[in-house]
N, C-alpha and C. Protein backbone atom coordinates (compact mmCIF):
# COMPACT_ATOMS: atom_id res chain seq x y z
N MET A 1 83.42 33.50 -0.45
CA MET A 1 83.26 34.27 0.77
C MET A 1 82.27 33.57 1.73
N ASN A 2 82.54 33.57 3.00
CA ASN A 2 81.69 32.86 3.98
C ASN A 2 80.46 33.75 4.22
N GLN A 3 79.37 33.04 4.39
CA GLN A 3 78.09 33.72 4.80
C GLN A 3 78.21 34.21 6.22
N PRO A 4 77.78 35.38 6.52
CA PRO A 4 77.77 35.88 7.89
C PRO A 4 76.85 35.11 8.74
N HIS A 5 77.22 34.97 9.94
CA HIS A 5 76.38 34.23 10.95
C HIS A 5 75.46 35.25 11.54
N THR A 6 74.17 35.14 11.14
CA THR A 6 73.21 36.14 11.58
C THR A 6 72.77 35.98 12.96
N ASP A 7 73.06 34.87 13.60
CA ASP A 7 72.64 34.59 14.98
C ASP A 7 73.73 34.77 15.98
N ILE A 8 74.87 35.27 15.61
CA ILE A 8 76.01 35.33 16.54
C ILE A 8 75.69 36.19 17.73
N LEU A 9 75.02 37.34 17.56
CA LEU A 9 74.65 38.15 18.70
C LEU A 9 73.48 37.63 19.50
N ALA A 10 72.55 36.91 18.79
CA ALA A 10 71.41 36.31 19.50
C ALA A 10 71.89 35.26 20.45
N ARG A 11 73.02 34.58 20.20
CA ARG A 11 73.57 33.56 21.12
C ARG A 11 74.48 34.14 22.19
N SER A 12 74.67 35.44 22.20
CA SER A 12 75.63 36.05 23.14
C SER A 12 74.87 36.64 24.33
N GLN A 13 75.54 36.76 25.40
CA GLN A 13 75.00 37.44 26.59
C GLN A 13 75.08 38.92 26.32
N VAL A 14 74.18 39.68 27.02
CA VAL A 14 74.17 41.13 26.96
C VAL A 14 74.56 41.67 28.31
N ALA A 15 75.36 42.69 28.34
CA ALA A 15 75.83 43.29 29.57
C ALA A 15 75.73 44.84 29.41
N THR A 16 75.06 45.45 30.36
CA THR A 16 74.85 46.86 30.35
C THR A 16 76.11 47.62 30.89
N ARG A 17 76.39 48.78 30.34
CA ARG A 17 77.53 49.63 30.77
C ARG A 17 76.92 50.99 31.16
N LEU A 18 77.16 51.35 32.38
CA LEU A 18 76.69 52.65 32.87
C LEU A 18 77.92 53.54 33.28
N PRO A 19 77.90 54.82 32.79
CA PRO A 19 79.00 55.70 33.07
C PRO A 19 78.89 56.24 34.53
N ALA A 20 80.06 56.46 35.14
CA ALA A 20 80.16 57.04 36.44
C ALA A 20 81.31 58.04 36.46
N GLN A 21 80.97 59.26 36.77
CA GLN A 21 82.05 60.25 36.84
C GLN A 21 82.86 60.13 38.14
N ASP A 22 82.20 59.59 39.15
CA ASP A 22 82.85 59.33 40.40
C ASP A 22 82.60 57.91 40.89
N LEU A 23 83.51 56.98 40.61
CA LEU A 23 83.31 55.58 40.77
C LEU A 23 83.10 55.23 42.31
N ASP A 24 83.83 55.96 43.15
CA ASP A 24 83.65 55.72 44.60
C ASP A 24 82.26 56.08 45.08
N ARG A 25 81.80 57.27 44.62
CA ARG A 25 80.41 57.72 44.93
C ARG A 25 79.41 56.68 44.41
N ALA A 26 79.60 56.21 43.20
CA ALA A 26 78.69 55.22 42.62
C ALA A 26 78.74 53.91 43.38
N ARG A 27 79.85 53.47 43.80
CA ARG A 27 79.96 52.22 44.66
C ARG A 27 79.16 52.36 45.88
N ARG A 28 79.27 53.51 46.60
CA ARG A 28 78.52 53.74 47.78
C ARG A 28 77.02 53.74 47.55
N PHE A 29 76.59 54.42 46.47
CA PHE A 29 75.18 54.42 46.18
C PHE A 29 74.60 53.06 45.93
N TYR A 30 75.34 52.25 45.09
CA TYR A 30 74.85 50.93 44.78
C TYR A 30 74.91 50.02 45.99
N ALA A 31 75.81 50.18 46.87
CA ALA A 31 75.88 49.39 48.12
C ALA A 31 74.83 49.81 49.09
N GLU A 32 74.82 51.13 49.48
CA GLU A 32 73.96 51.59 50.48
C GLU A 32 72.49 51.66 50.09
N LYS A 33 72.18 52.13 48.89
CA LYS A 33 70.85 52.30 48.44
C LYS A 33 70.24 51.02 47.82
N LEU A 34 71.00 50.33 47.04
CA LEU A 34 70.50 49.18 46.31
C LEU A 34 70.87 47.84 46.89
N GLY A 35 71.85 47.85 47.83
CA GLY A 35 72.26 46.56 48.45
C GLY A 35 73.08 45.69 47.54
N LEU A 36 73.79 46.31 46.62
CA LEU A 36 74.57 45.53 45.66
C LEU A 36 76.10 45.68 45.89
N THR A 37 76.82 44.60 45.74
CA THR A 37 78.22 44.56 45.93
C THR A 37 78.93 44.11 44.64
N PRO A 38 79.99 44.77 44.16
CA PRO A 38 80.64 44.29 42.92
C PRO A 38 81.22 42.97 43.11
N VAL A 39 81.11 42.06 42.07
CA VAL A 39 81.74 40.82 42.09
C VAL A 39 83.11 40.80 41.50
N ASP A 40 83.48 41.90 40.83
CA ASP A 40 84.81 42.07 40.31
C ASP A 40 85.15 43.59 40.30
N GLU A 41 86.34 43.96 40.46
CA GLU A 41 86.76 45.34 40.40
C GLU A 41 88.05 45.47 39.52
N ARG A 42 88.07 46.52 38.78
CA ARG A 42 89.25 46.89 37.98
C ARG A 42 89.46 48.35 38.25
N PRO A 43 90.62 48.87 37.89
CA PRO A 43 90.92 50.28 38.22
C PRO A 43 89.86 51.28 37.62
N GLY A 44 89.23 50.92 36.52
CA GLY A 44 88.25 51.83 35.93
C GLY A 44 86.85 51.35 35.90
N GLY A 45 86.54 50.32 36.70
CA GLY A 45 85.17 49.79 36.61
C GLY A 45 84.82 48.78 37.74
N LEU A 46 83.48 48.65 37.89
CA LEU A 46 82.97 47.70 38.89
C LEU A 46 81.93 46.75 38.16
N LEU A 47 82.11 45.50 38.35
CA LEU A 47 81.16 44.51 37.73
C LEU A 47 80.17 44.04 38.77
N TYR A 48 78.89 44.04 38.40
CA TYR A 48 77.84 43.55 39.28
C TYR A 48 77.06 42.42 38.57
N ARG A 49 76.54 41.52 39.30
CA ARG A 49 75.65 40.46 38.73
C ARG A 49 74.36 40.45 39.46
N CYS A 50 73.27 40.38 38.71
CA CYS A 50 71.93 40.34 39.24
C CYS A 50 71.16 39.28 38.44
N GLY A 51 70.57 38.28 39.07
CA GLY A 51 69.94 37.23 38.33
C GLY A 51 70.91 36.58 37.41
N GLY A 52 70.66 36.46 36.15
CA GLY A 52 71.62 35.90 35.21
C GLY A 52 72.34 36.93 34.36
N ALA A 53 72.15 38.20 34.70
CA ALA A 53 72.75 39.31 33.90
C ALA A 53 73.85 40.02 34.66
N GLU A 54 74.55 40.78 33.94
CA GLU A 54 75.59 41.63 34.60
C GLU A 54 75.56 43.02 34.04
N PHE A 55 76.06 43.97 34.91
CA PHE A 55 76.28 45.31 34.38
C PHE A 55 77.58 45.87 35.04
N VAL A 56 78.14 46.87 34.35
CA VAL A 56 79.43 47.47 34.76
C VAL A 56 79.15 48.96 34.91
N LEU A 57 79.71 49.43 36.03
CA LEU A 57 79.83 50.89 36.20
C LEU A 57 81.29 51.23 35.79
N PHE A 58 81.48 52.11 34.91
CA PHE A 58 82.82 52.45 34.43
C PHE A 58 83.14 53.92 34.58
N ARG A 59 84.32 54.23 34.92
CA ARG A 59 84.76 55.62 35.07
C ARG A 59 84.69 56.30 33.74
N SER A 60 84.01 57.42 33.67
CA SER A 60 83.80 58.10 32.38
C SER A 60 83.82 59.62 32.70
N THR A 61 84.37 60.35 31.76
CA THR A 61 84.27 61.83 31.84
C THR A 61 82.98 62.35 31.29
N GLY A 62 82.24 61.48 30.56
CA GLY A 62 80.92 61.82 30.07
C GLY A 62 79.86 61.48 31.10
N ALA A 63 78.67 62.00 30.84
CA ALA A 63 77.59 61.72 31.78
C ALA A 63 76.30 61.37 30.96
N ALA A 64 75.54 60.46 31.50
CA ALA A 64 74.25 60.11 30.89
C ALA A 64 73.24 61.23 30.99
N PRO A 65 72.40 61.38 30.01
CA PRO A 65 71.45 62.51 30.03
C PRO A 65 70.38 62.28 31.10
N GLY A 66 70.15 60.99 31.51
CA GLY A 66 69.13 60.69 32.51
C GLY A 66 67.72 60.92 32.04
N THR A 67 67.50 60.88 30.74
CA THR A 67 66.22 61.17 30.19
C THR A 67 65.48 59.91 29.66
N PHE A 68 66.14 58.80 29.72
CA PHE A 68 65.52 57.48 29.27
C PHE A 68 66.04 56.40 30.17
N THR A 69 65.33 55.33 30.23
CA THR A 69 65.75 54.20 31.14
C THR A 69 67.00 53.53 30.44
N GLN A 70 68.01 53.44 31.20
CA GLN A 70 69.22 52.80 30.73
C GLN A 70 69.35 51.37 31.12
N MET A 71 68.73 50.98 32.23
CA MET A 71 68.77 49.61 32.71
C MET A 71 67.58 49.42 33.65
N ALA A 72 67.06 48.20 33.68
CA ALA A 72 65.87 47.98 34.59
C ALA A 72 65.97 46.54 35.12
N TRP A 73 65.40 46.43 36.33
CA TRP A 73 65.24 45.15 36.97
C TRP A 73 63.78 44.72 36.78
N VAL A 74 63.52 43.39 36.56
CA VAL A 74 62.17 42.86 36.64
C VAL A 74 62.02 42.19 37.95
N VAL A 75 60.92 42.51 38.63
CA VAL A 75 60.66 42.09 40.01
C VAL A 75 59.30 41.42 40.06
N ASP A 76 59.09 40.65 41.14
CA ASP A 76 57.81 40.01 41.35
C ASP A 76 56.85 40.85 42.11
N ASP A 77 57.35 41.78 42.93
CA ASP A 77 56.48 42.63 43.78
C ASP A 77 57.07 44.02 43.73
N ILE A 78 56.57 44.85 42.84
CA ILE A 78 57.15 46.18 42.73
C ILE A 78 56.82 47.06 43.94
N GLU A 79 55.68 46.88 44.55
CA GLU A 79 55.31 47.73 45.71
C GLU A 79 56.31 47.46 46.86
N ALA A 80 56.63 46.23 47.11
CA ALA A 80 57.60 45.87 48.16
C ALA A 80 59.02 46.38 47.84
N THR A 81 59.36 46.26 46.51
CA THR A 81 60.71 46.69 46.06
C THR A 81 60.83 48.22 46.25
N VAL A 82 59.80 48.97 45.81
CA VAL A 82 59.83 50.39 45.90
C VAL A 82 59.84 50.77 47.36
N ALA A 83 59.11 50.13 48.24
CA ALA A 83 59.06 50.45 49.64
C ALA A 83 60.44 50.21 50.30
N GLN A 84 61.04 49.08 49.95
CA GLN A 84 62.36 48.76 50.50
C GLN A 84 63.47 49.74 50.05
N LEU A 85 63.47 49.97 48.82
CA LEU A 85 64.48 50.95 48.34
C LEU A 85 64.24 52.39 48.75
N GLY A 86 62.92 52.76 48.87
CA GLY A 86 62.59 54.02 49.41
C GLY A 86 63.02 54.23 50.85
N ALA A 87 62.97 53.09 51.59
CA ALA A 87 63.37 53.22 53.01
C ALA A 87 64.88 53.34 53.13
N ARG A 88 65.60 52.96 52.08
CA ARG A 88 67.07 53.16 52.02
C ARG A 88 67.49 54.50 51.45
N GLY A 89 66.49 55.30 51.08
CA GLY A 89 66.76 56.69 50.60
C GLY A 89 66.69 56.87 49.07
N VAL A 90 66.31 55.83 48.30
CA VAL A 90 66.12 55.98 46.85
C VAL A 90 64.90 56.85 46.64
N GLU A 91 65.05 57.85 45.77
CA GLU A 91 63.99 58.76 45.45
C GLU A 91 63.45 58.43 44.09
N PHE A 92 62.16 58.02 44.05
CA PHE A 92 61.53 57.62 42.79
C PHE A 92 60.90 58.84 42.06
N GLU A 93 60.97 58.77 40.76
CA GLU A 93 60.47 59.80 39.93
C GLU A 93 58.97 59.83 39.93
N GLU A 94 58.34 61.02 39.99
CA GLU A 94 56.91 61.15 39.81
C GLU A 94 56.69 61.73 38.42
N VAL A 95 55.89 61.03 37.65
CA VAL A 95 55.68 61.46 36.25
C VAL A 95 54.15 61.73 36.00
N ASP A 96 53.85 62.80 35.32
CA ASP A 96 52.45 63.12 35.00
C ASP A 96 52.45 63.61 33.59
N ALA A 97 52.19 62.73 32.64
CA ALA A 97 52.14 62.99 31.21
C ALA A 97 50.83 62.40 30.67
N PRO A 98 50.40 62.82 29.54
CA PRO A 98 49.12 62.24 28.94
C PRO A 98 49.24 60.76 28.78
N GLY A 99 48.35 60.00 29.40
CA GLY A 99 48.33 58.60 29.26
C GLY A 99 49.34 57.87 30.14
N PHE A 100 50.06 58.62 30.97
CA PHE A 100 51.10 57.96 31.76
C PHE A 100 51.38 58.82 32.98
N HIS A 101 51.12 58.27 34.15
CA HIS A 101 51.42 58.96 35.38
C HIS A 101 51.71 57.99 36.49
N THR A 102 52.43 58.41 37.46
CA THR A 102 52.80 57.57 38.58
C THR A 102 51.91 57.96 39.79
N GLU A 103 51.73 56.95 40.61
CA GLU A 103 51.06 57.17 41.92
C GLU A 103 51.96 56.54 42.94
N HIS A 104 52.50 57.33 43.85
CA HIS A 104 53.46 56.88 44.85
C HIS A 104 54.69 56.23 44.21
N GLY A 105 55.06 56.87 43.04
CA GLY A 105 56.28 56.40 42.38
C GLY A 105 56.10 55.25 41.42
N ILE A 106 54.89 54.67 41.29
CA ILE A 106 54.72 53.51 40.46
C ILE A 106 53.68 53.83 39.34
N ALA A 107 53.98 53.51 38.13
CA ALA A 107 53.09 53.76 36.97
C ALA A 107 52.50 52.47 36.47
N HIS A 108 51.36 52.49 35.91
CA HIS A 108 50.72 51.34 35.19
C HIS A 108 50.88 51.64 33.70
N ILE A 109 51.52 50.68 33.00
CA ILE A 109 51.83 50.93 31.56
C ILE A 109 51.02 49.80 30.80
N ALA A 110 49.99 50.20 30.06
CA ALA A 110 49.16 49.23 29.40
C ALA A 110 49.73 48.85 28.01
N GLY A 111 49.61 47.57 27.71
CA GLY A 111 49.97 47.06 26.32
C GLY A 111 51.35 47.36 25.83
N ASN A 112 52.36 47.47 26.68
CA ASN A 112 53.66 47.86 26.26
C ASN A 112 54.63 46.72 26.16
N TYR A 113 54.34 45.51 26.63
CA TYR A 113 55.34 44.56 26.74
C TYR A 113 54.84 43.13 26.20
N PRO A 114 54.49 42.98 24.93
CA PRO A 114 54.02 41.72 24.41
C PRO A 114 55.06 40.54 24.51
N SER A 115 56.31 40.87 24.48
CA SER A 115 57.35 39.83 24.58
C SER A 115 57.42 39.16 25.93
N LYS A 116 56.85 39.82 26.96
CA LYS A 116 56.83 39.22 28.29
C LYS A 116 55.58 38.42 28.57
N HIS A 117 54.73 38.29 27.51
CA HIS A 117 53.46 37.59 27.62
C HIS A 117 52.60 38.26 28.67
N ALA A 118 52.69 39.56 28.80
CA ALA A 118 51.95 40.36 29.75
C ALA A 118 51.12 41.34 28.99
N HIS A 119 49.98 41.74 29.53
CA HIS A 119 49.15 42.76 28.96
C HIS A 119 49.51 44.15 29.35
N ALA A 120 50.28 44.23 30.44
CA ALA A 120 50.73 45.50 30.97
C ALA A 120 51.86 45.28 31.89
N GLU A 121 52.44 46.40 32.33
CA GLU A 121 53.51 46.37 33.32
C GLU A 121 53.33 47.50 34.28
N ARG A 122 53.80 47.33 35.48
CA ARG A 122 53.95 48.41 36.42
C ARG A 122 55.40 48.79 36.49
N GLY A 123 55.66 50.06 36.53
CA GLY A 123 57.00 50.52 36.49
C GLY A 123 57.35 51.66 37.44
N ALA A 124 58.60 51.77 37.86
CA ALA A 124 59.11 52.82 38.71
C ALA A 124 60.54 53.18 38.29
N TRP A 125 60.86 54.44 38.41
CA TRP A 125 62.14 54.89 37.93
C TRP A 125 62.83 55.78 38.99
N PHE A 126 64.18 55.75 38.98
CA PHE A 126 64.99 56.54 39.87
C PHE A 126 66.34 56.78 39.21
N HIS A 127 66.98 57.85 39.65
CA HIS A 127 68.37 58.17 39.16
C HIS A 127 69.41 57.63 40.17
N ASP A 128 70.49 57.10 39.70
CA ASP A 128 71.57 56.68 40.61
C ASP A 128 72.40 57.99 40.88
N SER A 129 73.46 57.82 41.61
CA SER A 129 74.27 58.98 42.04
C SER A 129 74.89 59.61 40.84
N GLU A 130 75.00 58.93 39.72
CA GLU A 130 75.71 59.47 38.50
C GLU A 130 74.77 60.02 37.46
N GLY A 131 73.46 60.04 37.75
CA GLY A 131 72.47 60.58 36.80
C GLY A 131 71.92 59.55 35.89
N ASN A 132 72.26 58.24 36.03
CA ASN A 132 71.73 57.28 35.17
C ASN A 132 70.31 56.96 35.54
N LEU A 133 69.38 56.85 34.65
CA LEU A 133 67.97 56.58 34.96
C LEU A 133 67.79 55.12 34.93
N LEU A 134 67.37 54.58 36.08
CA LEU A 134 67.20 53.08 36.27
C LEU A 134 65.76 52.82 36.51
N GLY A 135 65.27 51.66 36.08
CA GLY A 135 63.88 51.28 36.25
C GLY A 135 63.69 49.96 36.98
N ILE A 136 62.46 49.80 37.43
CA ILE A 136 62.02 48.55 38.05
C ILE A 136 60.71 48.26 37.39
N GLY A 137 60.52 47.03 36.96
CA GLY A 137 59.24 46.69 36.32
C GLY A 137 58.67 45.36 36.84
N GLN A 138 57.33 45.29 36.80
CA GLN A 138 56.68 44.07 37.17
C GLN A 138 55.63 43.76 36.11
N PRO A 139 55.78 42.70 35.27
CA PRO A 139 54.78 42.38 34.25
C PRO A 139 53.46 41.99 34.89
N ILE A 140 52.36 42.33 34.27
CA ILE A 140 51.03 42.11 34.76
C ILE A 140 50.36 41.19 33.69
N ALA A 141 49.92 40.08 34.08
CA ALA A 141 49.27 39.12 33.09
C ALA A 141 47.89 39.60 32.77
């Protein structure tokens, strides 16, 4: 019997899949609010590319609970990004929990991202038109 290749997934690309109950509404949100245009379209889905990664919005009868981050972008300037998206009508979540709170939509998260060679990260979150919780992060050295 052949030995399994334990690194087969490590050598593969990762692509996020986000459910959309109304694909036309989702397309408008991603275009108007986020400035994104699909690079490919199929009857049941839209493919987007950002940086070296891709994600798909797919028609689904199910809905995401919107209680955890499903996808996030890493940016160089979170304040500028939040300001630009806010000017387009994106509404950022305000969080006030023990050890974690946002100020003007941006949170400071200490010691959470050692794989990024950062001591901390600043983060912001918003829901898309379909209830998916999306994030923006900026590693802090």
